[in-house]
C-alpha atoms as a PDB file:
ATOM      1  CA  UNK A   1     -36.077  22.372  -0.311  1.00  0.00           C
ATOM      2  CA  UNK A   2     -34.371  22.961   3.021  1.00  0.00           C
ATOM      3  CA  UNK A   3     -34.401  19.239   3.777  1.00  0.00           C
ATOM      4  CA  UNK A   4     -32.882  18.447   0.361  1.00  0.00           C
ATOM      5  CA  UNK A   5     -30.088  20.957   0.999  1.00  0.00           C
ATOM      6  CA  UNK A   6     -29.395  19.370   4.391  1.00  0.00           C
ATOM      7  CA  UNK A   7     -29.366  15.862   2.870  1.00  0.00           C
ATOM      8  CA  UNK A   8     -26.944  16.924   0.132  1.00  0.00           C
ATOM      9  CA  UNK A   9     -24.635  18.537   2.685  1.00  0.00           C
ATOM     10  CA  UNK A  10     -24.700  15.395   4.806  1.00  0.00           C
ATOM     11  CA  UNK A  11     -23.922  13.218   1.772  1.00  0.00           C
ATOM     12  CA  UNK A  12     -21.007  15.434   0.771  1.00  0.00           C
ATOM     13  CA  UNK A  13     -19.622  15.373   4.309  1.00  0.00           C
ATOM     14  CA  UNK A  14     -19.901  11.571   4.513  1.00  0.00           C
ATOM     15  CA  UNK A  15     -18.275  11.152   1.101  1.00  0.00           C
ATOM     16  CA  UNK A  16     -15.354  13.418   1.974  1.00  0.00           C
ATOM     17  CA  UNK A  17     -14.800  11.682   5.315  1.00  0.00           C
ATOM     18  CA  UNK A  18     -14.963   8.259   3.678  1.00  0.00           C
ATOM     19  CA  UNK A  19     -12.565   9.067   0.837  1.00  0.00           C
ATOM     20  CA  UNK A  20     -10.040  11.154   2.780  1.00  0.00           C
ATOM     21  CA  UNK A  21      -7.804   8.144   3.374  1.00  0.00           C
ATOM     22  CA  UNK A  22      -8.228   6.787  -0.134  1.00  0.00           C
ATOM     23  CA  UNK A  23      -6.691   9.870  -1.730  1.00  0.00           C
ATOM     24  CA  UNK A  24      -3.949  10.440   0.822  1.00  0.00           C
ATOM     25  CA  UNK A  25      -0.413  10.761  -0.465  1.00  0.00           C
ATOM     26  CA  UNK A  26       1.122   7.252  -0.272  1.00  0.00           C
ATOM     27  CA  UNK A  27       4.411   8.745   0.940  1.00  0.00           C
ATOM     28  CA  UNK A  28       2.629   9.934   4.086  1.00  0.00           C
ATOM     29  CA  UNK A  29       1.348   6.439   4.906  1.00  0.00           C
ATOM     30  CA  UNK A  30       3.618   3.858   6.516  1.00  0.00           C
ATOM     31  CA  UNK A  31       4.390   0.950   4.222  1.00  0.00           C
ATOM     32  CA  UNK A  32       3.285  -2.389   5.605  1.00  0.00           C
ATOM     33  CA  UNK A  33       5.243  -4.563   3.200  1.00  0.00           C
ATOM     34  CA  UNK A  34       3.719  -7.581   1.504  1.00  0.00           C
ATOM     35  CA  UNK A  35       6.732  -9.934   1.444  1.00  0.00           C
ATOM     36  CA  UNK A  36       4.836 -12.731  -0.323  1.00  0.00           C
ATOM     37  CA  UNK A  37       3.984 -10.505  -3.294  1.00  0.00           C
ATOM     38  CA  UNK A  38       7.525  -9.049  -3.311  1.00  0.00           C
ATOM     39  CA  UNK A  39       8.951 -12.580  -3.559  1.00  0.00           C
ATOM     40  CA  UNK A  40       6.538 -13.435  -6.373  1.00  0.00           C
ATOM     41  CA  UNK A  41       7.509 -10.239  -8.224  1.00  0.00           C
ATOM     42  CA  UNK A  42      11.225 -10.983  -7.795  1.00  0.00           C
ATOM     43  CA  UNK A  43      10.699 -14.378  -9.450  1.00  0.00           C
ATOM     44  CA  UNK A  44       8.751 -12.881 -12.379  1.00  0.00           C
ATOM     45  CA  UNK A  45      10.801  -9.791 -13.224  1.00  0.00           C
ATOM     46  CA  UNK A  46      13.780 -11.476 -14.931  1.00  0.00           C
ATOM     47  CA  UNK A  47      11.450 -13.072 -17.495  1.00  0.00           C
ATOM     48  CA  UNK A  48       9.275  -9.957 -17.783  1.00  0.00           C
ATOM     49  CA  UNK A  49      12.301  -7.690 -18.218  1.00  0.00           C
ATOM     50  CA  UNK A  50      13.641  -9.856 -21.057  1.00  0.00           C
ATOM     51  CA  UNK A  51      10.255  -9.669 -22.780  1.00  0.00           C
ATOM     52  CA  UNK A  52       9.847  -5.933 -22.197  1.00  0.00           C
ATOM     53  CA  UNK A  53      13.398  -4.917 -23.194  1.00  0.00           C
ATOM     54  CA  UNK A  54      12.365  -4.680 -26.869  1.00  0.00           C
ATOM     55  CA  UNK A  55       9.705  -2.027 -26.148  1.00  0.00           C
ATOM     56  CA  UNK A  56      10.761   1.629 -26.431  1.00  0.00           C
ATOM     57  CA  UNK A  57      10.679   3.455 -23.119  1.00  0.00           C
ATOM     58  CA  UNK A  58      11.155   0.392 -20.915  1.00  0.00           C
ATOM     59  CA  UNK A  59      13.505   0.742 -17.936  1.00  0.00           C
ATOM     60  CA  UNK A  60      13.683  -2.123 -15.453  1.00  0.00           C
ATOM     61  CA  UNK A  61      12.782  -0.688 -12.070  1.00  0.00           C
ATOM     62  CA  UNK A  62      14.709  -2.088  -9.140  1.00  0.00           C
ATOM     63  CA  UNK A  63      14.096  -2.190  -5.435  1.00  0.00           C
ATOM     64  CA  UNK A  64      10.306  -2.127  -5.561  1.00  0.00           C
ATOM     65  CA  UNK A  65       8.454  -2.312  -2.268  1.00  0.00           C
ATOM     66  CA  UNK A  66       4.940  -3.725  -2.248  1.00  0.00           C
ATOM     67  CA  UNK A  67       2.781  -2.117   0.421  1.00  0.00           C
ATOM     68  CA  UNK A  68      -0.603  -3.059   1.801  1.00  0.00           C
ATOM     69  CA  UNK A  69      -3.153  -0.368   0.981  1.00  0.00           C
ATOM     70  CA  UNK A  70      -6.042   0.021   3.404  1.00  0.00           C
ATOM     71  CA  UNK A  71      -8.310   1.456   0.733  1.00  0.00           C
ATOM     72  CA  UNK A  72      -8.408   2.713  -2.811  1.00  0.00           C
ATOM     73  CA  UNK A  73      -7.311   1.156  -6.055  1.00  0.00           C
ATOM     74  CA  UNK A  74      -3.902  -0.393  -6.663  1.00  0.00           C
ATOM     75  CA  UNK A  75      -1.403   2.339  -7.494  1.00  0.00           C
ATOM     76  CA  UNK A  76       2.252   2.964  -8.183  1.00  0.00           C
ATOM     77  CA  UNK A  77       4.239   5.576  -6.279  1.00  0.00           C
ATOM     78  CA  UNK A  78       6.799   6.778  -8.832  1.00  0.00           C
ATOM     79  CA  UNK A  79       8.965   8.681  -6.363  1.00  0.00           C
ATOM     80  CA  UNK A  80       9.247   6.000  -3.664  1.00  0.00           C
ATOM     81  CA  UNK A  81       9.281   3.058  -6.126  1.00  0.00           C
ATOM     82  CA  UNK A  82       6.376   1.438  -4.307  1.00  0.00           C
ATOM     83  CA  UNK A  83       3.293  -0.413  -5.389  1.00  0.00           C
ATOM     84  CA  UNK A  84       0.241  -0.202  -3.151  1.00  0.00           C
ATOM     85  CA  UNK A  85      -2.137  -3.192  -3.253  1.00  0.00           C
ATOM     86  CA  UNK A  86      -5.153  -4.250  -1.250  1.00  0.00           C
ATOM     87  CA  UNK A  87      -5.714  -7.930  -0.543  1.00  0.00           C
ATOM     88  CA  UNK A  88      -8.253  -9.196  -3.028  1.00  0.00           C
ATOM     89  CA  UNK A  89      -7.408 -12.670  -4.145  1.00  0.00           C
ATOM     90  CA  UNK A  90      -4.170 -14.139  -5.376  1.00  0.00           C
ATOM     91  CA  UNK A  91      -5.043 -13.991  -9.092  1.00  0.00           C
ATOM     92  CA  UNK A  92      -6.376 -10.421  -8.964  1.00  0.00           C
ATOM     93  CA  UNK A  93      -3.362  -9.293  -6.907  1.00  0.00           C
ATOM     94  CA  UNK A  94      -0.994 -10.722  -9.530  1.00  0.00           C
ATOM     95  CA  UNK A  95      -2.807  -8.868 -12.341  1.00  0.00           C
ATOM     96  CA  UNK A  96      -2.771  -5.639 -10.357  1.00  0.00           C
ATOM     97  CA  UNK A  97       0.887  -6.097  -9.483  1.00  0.00           C
ATOM     98  CA  UNK A  98       1.889  -6.674 -13.116  1.00  0.00           C
ATOM     99  CA  UNK A  99      -0.136  -3.623 -14.153  1.00  0.00           C
ATOM    100  CA  UNK A 100       1.459  -1.342 -11.537  1.00  0.00           C
ATOM    101  CA  UNK A 101       4.931  -2.771 -12.253  1.00  0.00           C
ATOM    102  CA  UNK A 102       4.515  -1.620 -15.850  1.00  0.00           C
ATOM    103  CA  UNK A 103       3.634   1.893 -14.704  1.00  0.00           C
ATOM    104  CA  UNK A 104       6.977   1.980 -12.872  1.00  0.00           C
ATOM    105  CA  UNK A 105       8.849   0.348 -15.763  1.00  0.00           C
ATOM    106  CA  UNK A 106       7.619   3.019 -18.187  1.00  0.00           C
ATOM    107  CA  UNK A 107       7.557   5.967 -15.754  1.00  0.00           C
ATOM    108  CA  UNK A 108       9.932   8.006 -17.958  1.00  0.00           C
ATOM    109  CA  UNK A 109       7.883   7.322 -21.064  1.00  0.00           C
ATOM    110  CA  UNK A 110       4.476   8.574 -22.230  1.00  0.00           C
ATOM    111  CA  UNK A 111       3.427   4.903 -22.275  1.00  0.00           C
ATOM    112  CA  UNK A 112       3.111   5.035 -18.477  1.00  0.00           C
ATOM    113  CA  UNK A 113      -0.052   7.094 -18.975  1.00  0.00           C
ATOM    114  CA  UNK A 114      -1.516   4.842 -21.662  1.00  0.00           C
ATOM    115  CA  UNK A 115      -3.855   2.591 -19.658  1.00  0.00           C
ATOM    116  CA  UNK A 116      -4.794   0.497 -22.701  1.00  0.00           C
ATOM    117  CA  UNK A 117      -1.111  -0.248 -23.395  1.00  0.00           C
ATOM    118  CA  UNK A 118      -0.379  -0.968 -19.718  1.00  0.00           C
ATOM    119  CA  UNK A 119      -3.358  -3.306 -19.330  1.00  0.00           C
ATOM    120  CA  UNK A 120      -2.728  -5.193 -22.583  1.00  0.00           C
ATOM    121  CA  UNK A 121       0.968  -5.570 -21.797  1.00  0.00           C
ATOM    122  CA  UNK A 122       0.209  -6.756 -18.258  1.00  0.00           C
ATOM    123  CA  UNK A 123      -1.988  -9.517 -19.672  1.00  0.00           C
ATOM    124  CA  UNK A 124       0.721 -10.434 -22.158  1.00  0.00           C
ATOM    125  CA  UNK A 125       3.562 -10.676 -19.648  1.00  0.00           C
ATOM    126  CA  UNK A 126       1.433 -12.786 -17.323  1.00  0.00           C
ATOM    127  CA  UNK A 127       0.762 -15.157 -20.211  1.00  0.00           C
ATOM    128  CA  UNK A 128       4.356 -14.937 -21.480  1.00  0.00           C
ATOM    129  CA  UNK A 129       3.295 -13.624 -24.910  1.00  0.00           C
ATOM    130  CA  UNK A 130       5.158 -10.324 -25.277  1.00  0.00           C
END
């Protein structure tokens, strides 16, 4: 029993040390900007914004910075207007970027919290079918 307790404590310590950076506040991390993805987003947003304008709650976000995340899932920082992405592959990065862009575009609407809506709409705007 004592060994099990020690093993559990060690696992918890390792998990907390490993995830400490993943859950850090993005505002506290320096933003290493991904200019390539920012340029791609700038080319897409005029078309996306025209498609999304008919959906209640949509507000075109401007001045988005795309930052390289060292760990964790892609995420949107609502206060700094940033999207944090890890390098995966070009196609996956584009899907993640569209998804996080929608979180920012609907940040003043309850739709921002509706993952099913965000994911379905991200697929649609990438295909041009909104």
